[in-house]
N, C-alpha and C. Protein backbone atom coordinates (compact mmCIF):
# COMPACT_ATOMS: atom_id res chain seq x y z
N ALA A 1 0.85 -1.07 0.00
CA ALA A 1 -0.01 -0.01 -0.11
C ALA A 1 0.92 1.20 -0.09
N PRO A 2 2.00 1.25 0.83
CA PRO A 2 2.74 2.52 0.58
C PRO A 2 3.35 2.87 -0.78
N ILE A 3 3.72 1.64 -1.43
CA ILE A 3 4.24 1.92 -2.76
C ILE A 3 2.97 2.49 -3.58
N LEU A 4 1.80 2.06 -3.59
CA LEU A 4 0.62 2.41 -4.15
C LEU A 4 0.48 4.03 -4.13
N ARG A 5 0.51 4.31 -2.77
CA ARG A 5 0.33 5.74 -2.26
C ARG A 5 1.39 6.74 -2.92
N GLY A 6 2.50 6.05 -3.01
CA GLY A 6 3.82 6.87 -3.48
C GLY A 6 3.55 7.22 -5.04
N MET A 7 2.80 6.38 -5.59
CA MET A 7 2.47 6.67 -7.20
C MET A 7 1.34 7.61 -7.53
N LEU A 8 0.73 7.94 -6.45
CA LEU A 8 -0.55 8.59 -6.67
C LEU A 8 -0.31 10.13 -6.53
N GLU A 9 -1.16 10.93 -7.12
CA GLU A 9 -1.07 12.39 -6.76
C GLU A 9 -1.66 12.58 -5.40
N ARG A 10 -1.25 13.82 -4.82
CA ARG A 10 -1.53 14.10 -3.39
C ARG A 10 -3.19 14.06 -3.18
N ALA A 11 -3.99 14.54 -4.18
CA ALA A 11 -5.32 14.40 -3.97
C ALA A 11 -6.00 12.97 -4.01
N ALA A 12 -5.46 12.14 -4.82
CA ALA A 12 -5.87 10.77 -4.99
C ALA A 12 -5.34 9.90 -3.75
N ALA A 13 -4.20 10.38 -3.23
CA ALA A 13 -3.79 9.54 -1.99
C ALA A 13 -4.54 9.91 -0.84
N ALA A 14 -5.00 11.12 -0.79
CA ALA A 14 -5.90 11.59 0.37
C ALA A 14 -7.28 10.99 0.29
N ALA A 15 -7.70 10.77 -1.12
CA ALA A 15 -8.96 10.17 -1.35
C ALA A 15 -9.04 8.69 -0.75
N LEU A 16 -7.79 8.13 -1.10
CA LEU A 16 -7.64 6.64 -0.84
C LEU A 16 -7.50 6.46 0.87
N ASP A 17 -6.91 7.44 1.32
CA ASP A 17 -6.86 7.34 2.82
C ASP A 17 -8.17 7.56 3.53
N ARG A 18 -9.10 8.25 2.89
CA ARG A 18 -10.27 8.76 3.30
C ARG A 18 -11.22 7.59 3.30
N ASP A 19 -11.01 6.97 2.19
CA ASP A 19 -12.04 5.76 1.68
C ASP A 19 -11.65 4.40 2.34
N LEU A 20 -10.29 4.24 2.24
CA LEU A 20 -9.80 3.08 2.83
C LEU A 20 -8.49 3.25 3.74
N PRO A 21 -8.82 3.84 4.94
CA PRO A 21 -7.77 4.13 5.82
C PRO A 21 -6.99 2.99 6.35
N PRO A 22 -5.67 3.42 6.39
CA PRO A 22 -4.74 2.17 7.01
C PRO A 22 -4.98 1.71 8.22
N ALA A 23 -5.73 2.68 9.11
CA ALA A 23 -5.97 2.21 10.53
C ALA A 23 -7.25 2.90 11.03
N LEU A 24 -8.00 2.06 11.87
CA LEU A 24 -9.15 2.54 12.70
C LEU A 24 -8.68 3.59 13.75
N THR A 25 -9.00 4.76 13.92
CA THR A 25 -8.53 5.70 14.94
C THR A 25 -9.73 5.39 16.16
N LEU A 26 -9.36 5.24 17.29
CA LEU A 26 -10.18 4.91 18.50
C LEU A 26 -9.98 6.28 19.41
N ALA A 27 -10.72 6.16 20.43
CA ALA A 27 -10.62 7.16 21.53
C ALA A 27 -9.33 7.17 21.97
N GLY A 28 -8.72 8.29 22.34
CA GLY A 28 -7.30 8.66 22.79
C GLY A 28 -6.24 8.58 21.76
N GLU A 29 -6.74 8.79 20.39
CA GLU A 29 -6.08 8.62 19.30
C GLU A 29 -5.23 7.46 19.06
N ARG A 30 -5.64 6.32 19.79
CA ARG A 30 -5.11 5.15 19.35
C ARG A 30 -5.54 4.46 18.04
N ARG A 31 -4.48 3.98 17.28
CA ARG A 31 -4.75 3.52 15.89
C ARG A 31 -4.53 2.08 15.84
N VAL A 32 -5.56 1.29 15.15
CA VAL A 32 -5.54 -0.11 15.02
C VAL A 32 -5.57 -0.33 13.72
N PRO A 33 -4.41 -0.88 13.00
CA PRO A 33 -4.33 -1.30 11.62
C PRO A 33 -5.46 -2.19 11.16
N ILE A 34 -5.79 -1.62 9.87
CA ILE A 34 -6.97 -2.47 9.17
C ILE A 34 -6.31 -3.43 8.16
N ASP A 35 -6.55 -4.80 8.20
CA ASP A 35 -6.21 -5.78 7.23
C ASP A 35 -7.11 -5.89 6.25
N TYR A 36 -6.55 -5.63 5.03
CA TYR A 36 -7.38 -5.49 3.84
C TYR A 36 -7.25 -6.79 2.82
N THR A 37 -6.38 -7.79 3.51
CA THR A 37 -6.08 -9.00 2.85
C THR A 37 -7.10 -10.00 3.09
N ARG A 38 -8.01 -9.82 3.99
CA ARG A 38 -9.07 -10.65 4.34
C ARG A 38 -10.40 -10.40 3.54
N PRO A 39 -11.27 -11.43 3.39
CA PRO A 39 -12.63 -11.09 2.60
C PRO A 39 -13.16 -9.84 3.03
N VAL A 40 -13.14 -9.63 4.43
CA VAL A 40 -13.94 -8.33 4.98
C VAL A 40 -12.74 -7.58 5.61
N PRO A 41 -12.67 -6.38 5.40
CA PRO A 41 -11.51 -5.55 6.12
C PRO A 41 -11.60 -5.59 7.54
N THR A 42 -10.63 -5.97 8.39
CA THR A 42 -10.63 -6.35 9.64
C THR A 42 -9.66 -5.58 10.61
N ALA A 43 -10.07 -5.10 11.54
CA ALA A 43 -9.25 -4.48 12.57
C ALA A 43 -9.06 -5.45 13.88
N SER A 44 -7.80 -5.77 14.22
CA SER A 44 -7.56 -6.82 15.31
C SER A 44 -6.92 -6.22 16.40
N ALA A 45 -7.54 -6.30 17.67
CA ALA A 45 -6.82 -5.75 18.82
C ALA A 45 -7.59 -6.35 20.14
N LYS A 46 -6.90 -6.17 21.25
CA LYS A 46 -7.55 -6.55 22.48
C LYS A 46 -8.92 -6.12 22.78
N ALA A 47 -9.62 -7.03 23.23
CA ALA A 47 -11.02 -6.47 23.37
C ALA A 47 -11.09 -5.13 24.30
N GLN A 48 -10.23 -4.92 25.07
CA GLN A 48 -10.43 -3.74 26.00
C GLN A 48 -10.20 -2.58 25.08
N THR A 49 -9.72 -2.69 24.02
CA THR A 49 -9.37 -1.63 22.97
C THR A 49 -10.60 -0.89 22.45
N PHE A 50 -11.57 -1.90 22.35
CA PHE A 50 -12.98 -1.30 21.75
C PHE A 50 -14.00 -1.09 22.77
N TYR A 51 -13.63 -1.03 24.13
CA TYR A 51 -14.51 -0.68 25.16
C TYR A 51 -14.90 0.94 24.95
N GLY A 52 -16.11 1.06 25.11
CA GLY A 52 -16.61 2.54 24.77
C GLY A 52 -17.28 2.74 23.47
N MET A 53 -17.00 1.80 22.53
CA MET A 53 -17.44 1.79 21.19
C MET A 53 -18.85 1.09 20.99
N ARG A 54 -19.74 2.02 20.46
CA ARG A 54 -20.96 1.14 20.24
C ARG A 54 -21.16 0.84 18.83
N GLN A 55 -20.47 1.37 17.60
CA GLN A 55 -20.89 0.71 16.53
C GLN A 55 -19.51 0.98 15.60
N LEU A 56 -19.38 0.14 14.61
CA LEU A 56 -18.21 0.28 13.78
C LEU A 56 -18.34 1.25 12.63
N PRO A 57 -17.29 1.93 12.25
CA PRO A 57 -17.55 2.76 11.08
C PRO A 57 -17.45 2.03 9.73
N LYS A 58 -18.01 2.65 8.67
CA LYS A 58 -18.20 2.01 7.46
C LYS A 58 -17.04 2.52 6.59
N LEU A 59 -16.60 1.89 5.81
CA LEU A 59 -15.62 2.41 4.59
C LEU A 59 -16.23 2.65 3.26
N MET A 60 -15.55 3.40 2.57
CA MET A 60 -15.88 3.70 1.01
C MET A 60 -17.27 4.40 1.15
N ASP A 61 -17.39 5.43 1.94
CA ASP A 61 -18.53 6.27 1.98
C ASP A 61 -19.82 5.32 2.47
N GLY A 62 -19.76 4.54 3.38
CA GLY A 62 -20.75 3.57 3.89
C GLY A 62 -20.90 2.34 3.12
N ARG A 63 -20.19 2.07 2.15
CA ARG A 63 -20.70 0.88 1.25
C ARG A 63 -19.83 -0.32 1.66
N VAL A 64 -18.85 -0.26 2.52
CA VAL A 64 -18.08 -1.50 2.76
C VAL A 64 -18.00 -1.47 4.35
N GLY A 65 -18.50 -2.65 4.98
CA GLY A 65 -18.49 -2.78 6.42
C GLY A 65 -17.14 -3.27 6.82
N LEU A 66 -16.78 -3.02 8.04
CA LEU A 66 -15.58 -3.28 8.85
C LEU A 66 -15.89 -4.34 9.69
N GLN A 67 -14.98 -5.33 10.17
CA GLN A 67 -15.14 -6.16 11.18
C GLN A 67 -14.10 -6.15 12.05
N VAL A 68 -14.31 -6.39 13.38
CA VAL A 68 -13.15 -6.31 14.33
C VAL A 68 -13.04 -7.76 15.09
N GLU A 69 -11.85 -7.96 15.01
CA GLU A 69 -11.38 -9.35 15.70
C GLU A 69 -10.90 -8.90 17.21
N LEU A 70 -11.67 -9.32 18.18
CA LEU A 70 -11.44 -9.03 19.54
C LEU A 70 -10.44 -10.05 19.97
N LEU A 71 -9.27 -9.69 20.69
CA LEU A 71 -8.26 -10.69 21.11
C LEU A 71 -8.30 -10.59 22.58
N SER A 72 -7.79 -11.72 23.06
CA SER A 72 -7.53 -11.96 24.64
C SER A 72 -6.52 -11.18 25.15
N PRO A 73 -6.25 -11.09 26.40
CA PRO A 73 -4.90 -10.34 26.78
C PRO A 73 -3.63 -11.21 26.32
N ALA A 74 -3.81 -12.34 26.02
CA ALA A 74 -2.80 -13.21 25.44
C ALA A 74 -2.49 -12.88 23.98
N GLY A 75 -3.63 -12.04 23.28
CA GLY A 75 -3.41 -11.93 22.02
C GLY A 75 -3.97 -12.91 20.96
N ARG A 76 -4.76 -13.90 21.66
CA ARG A 76 -5.47 -14.91 20.83
C ARG A 76 -6.98 -14.25 20.48
N PRO A 77 -7.39 -14.58 19.39
CA PRO A 77 -8.74 -14.27 18.93
C PRO A 77 -9.79 -14.95 19.84
N CYS A 78 -10.81 -14.17 20.42
CA CYS A 78 -11.79 -14.67 21.21
C CYS A 78 -13.08 -14.46 20.68
N ALA A 79 -13.30 -13.44 19.62
CA ALA A 79 -14.49 -13.06 19.04
C ALA A 79 -14.21 -12.29 17.68
N ILE A 80 -15.08 -12.38 16.76
CA ILE A 80 -15.16 -11.58 15.42
C ILE A 80 -16.39 -11.08 15.17
N THR A 81 -16.57 -9.74 14.89
CA THR A 81 -17.98 -9.36 14.56
C THR A 81 -18.00 -8.09 13.73
N SER A 82 -19.10 -7.95 12.87
CA SER A 82 -19.25 -6.77 12.12
C SER A 82 -20.18 -5.94 12.74
N ASP A 83 -20.95 -6.36 13.64
CA ASP A 83 -22.01 -5.65 14.35
C ASP A 83 -21.50 -5.53 15.94
N LEU A 84 -20.89 -4.55 16.30
CA LEU A 84 -20.31 -4.41 17.53
C LEU A 84 -21.50 -4.28 18.59
N ALA A 85 -22.51 -3.40 18.38
CA ALA A 85 -23.74 -3.17 19.20
C ALA A 85 -24.24 -4.46 19.50
N GLY A 86 -24.58 -5.34 18.35
CA GLY A 86 -25.24 -6.62 18.78
C GLY A 86 -24.40 -7.60 19.55
N PHE A 87 -23.03 -7.52 19.28
CA PHE A 87 -22.22 -8.31 20.02
C PHE A 87 -22.03 -8.15 21.47
N TRP A 88 -22.10 -6.72 21.71
CA TRP A 88 -22.03 -6.23 23.28
C TRP A 88 -23.31 -6.68 23.83
N THR A 89 -24.46 -6.73 23.27
CA THR A 89 -25.62 -6.93 23.92
C THR A 89 -26.02 -8.49 23.89
N GLY A 90 -25.28 -9.40 22.93
CA GLY A 90 -25.57 -10.71 22.76
C GLY A 90 -24.42 -11.66 23.23
N ALA A 91 -23.74 -12.08 22.22
CA ALA A 91 -22.67 -12.88 22.48
C ALA A 91 -21.71 -12.36 23.52
N TRP A 92 -21.34 -11.35 23.84
CA TRP A 92 -20.26 -10.69 24.66
C TRP A 92 -20.70 -11.32 26.22
N GLY A 93 -21.82 -11.76 26.44
CA GLY A 93 -22.02 -12.31 27.70
C GLY A 93 -21.21 -13.66 28.06
N GLU A 94 -21.22 -14.45 27.01
CA GLU A 94 -20.53 -15.63 26.97
C GLU A 94 -19.01 -15.50 26.95
N THR A 95 -18.62 -14.73 26.01
CA THR A 95 -17.28 -14.29 25.81
C THR A 95 -16.62 -13.64 27.26
N ARG A 96 -17.42 -12.79 27.69
CA ARG A 96 -17.02 -12.39 28.95
C ARG A 96 -16.87 -13.36 30.14
N ARG A 97 -17.66 -14.22 30.21
CA ARG A 97 -17.59 -15.27 31.16
C ARG A 97 -16.39 -16.21 31.00
N GLU A 98 -16.19 -16.53 29.78
CA GLU A 98 -14.94 -17.28 29.39
C GLU A 98 -13.67 -16.41 29.78
N MET A 99 -13.58 -15.28 29.34
CA MET A 99 -12.49 -14.48 29.46
C MET A 99 -12.09 -14.10 31.00
N ARG A 100 -13.12 -13.93 31.81
CA ARG A 100 -13.14 -13.51 33.22
C ARG A 100 -12.57 -14.93 33.86
N GLY A 101 -12.88 -15.96 33.32
CA GLY A 101 -12.26 -17.12 34.12
C GLY A 101 -10.77 -17.37 33.72
N ARG A 102 -10.33 -17.03 32.59
CA ARG A 102 -9.06 -17.20 32.03
C ARG A 102 -8.10 -16.05 32.48
N TYR A 103 -8.75 -14.92 32.55
CA TYR A 103 -8.08 -13.60 32.98
C TYR A 103 -8.66 -12.70 33.89
N PRO A 104 -8.76 -13.18 35.06
CA PRO A 104 -9.42 -12.61 36.03
C PRO A 104 -8.85 -11.15 36.61
N ARG A 105 -7.59 -10.78 36.19
CA ARG A 105 -7.13 -9.33 36.57
C ARG A 105 -7.23 -8.30 35.54
N HIS A 106 -8.07 -8.74 34.35
CA HIS A 106 -8.44 -7.85 33.41
C HIS A 106 -9.77 -7.29 33.52
N ASP A 107 -10.17 -6.20 33.09
CA ASP A 107 -11.37 -5.64 33.09
C ASP A 107 -12.41 -6.35 32.03
N TRP A 108 -13.40 -6.95 32.47
CA TRP A 108 -14.61 -7.46 31.74
C TRP A 108 -15.90 -6.80 31.97
N PRO A 109 -16.31 -5.65 31.63
CA PRO A 109 -17.61 -4.87 31.94
C PRO A 109 -18.80 -5.84 31.45
N GLU A 110 -19.96 -5.58 32.10
CA GLU A 110 -21.11 -6.11 31.62
C GLU A 110 -21.49 -5.46 30.30
N ASN A 111 -21.41 -4.24 30.21
CA ASN A 111 -21.74 -3.48 29.07
C ASN A 111 -20.60 -2.39 28.57
N PRO A 112 -19.62 -3.20 27.67
CA PRO A 112 -18.42 -2.53 27.22
C PRO A 112 -18.78 -1.32 26.33
N ALA A 113 -19.93 -1.23 26.04
CA ALA A 113 -20.29 -0.06 24.97
C ALA A 113 -20.21 1.00 25.79
N LEU A 114 -20.25 1.08 27.14
CA LEU A 114 -20.33 2.24 27.98
C LEU A 114 -18.90 2.55 28.43
N GLY A 115 -17.88 1.61 28.04
CA GLY A 115 -16.61 1.85 28.48
C GLY A 115 -16.15 0.94 29.56
N GLY A 116 -14.91 0.94 29.84
CA GLY A 116 -14.36 -0.18 30.86
C GLY A 116 -14.25 0.60 32.38
N THR A 117 -13.88 -0.03 33.23
CA THR A 117 -13.66 0.45 34.72
C THR A 117 -12.29 1.20 34.49
N PRO A 118 -12.47 2.56 35.07
CA PRO A 118 -11.17 3.42 35.20
C PRO A 118 -10.31 2.62 36.22
N ARG A 119 -8.96 2.84 35.51
CA ARG A 119 -7.89 2.32 36.58
C ARG A 119 -7.20 3.43 37.15
N GLY A 120 -6.43 3.14 38.37
CA GLY A 120 -5.74 4.24 38.76
C GLY A 120 -5.91 4.14 40.35
């Protein structure tokens, strides 16, 4: 992708970054790279990274969905979804129970759409 961007004029490169950004920007300016080699563009990060998010952005002016792969604290996939709001209210309950058992020192809120437990 960097080679392609280097071959484009500035306006075309800006349009490419707008429509197909290299990373998903989250609260706190954290950036999660987007993998475009999968059938559906995917952002992978630890589950806690997505706490506070209610929905996923769309790419290409809303024409292409994005999915997220939620990883355990060990970096292993624990869930993948294109519907974050539905996941938080549905399958998250089972994922949460499983992760709380394996990783009790980490934050596993009942409603991650509202954010996690503040540390400090």
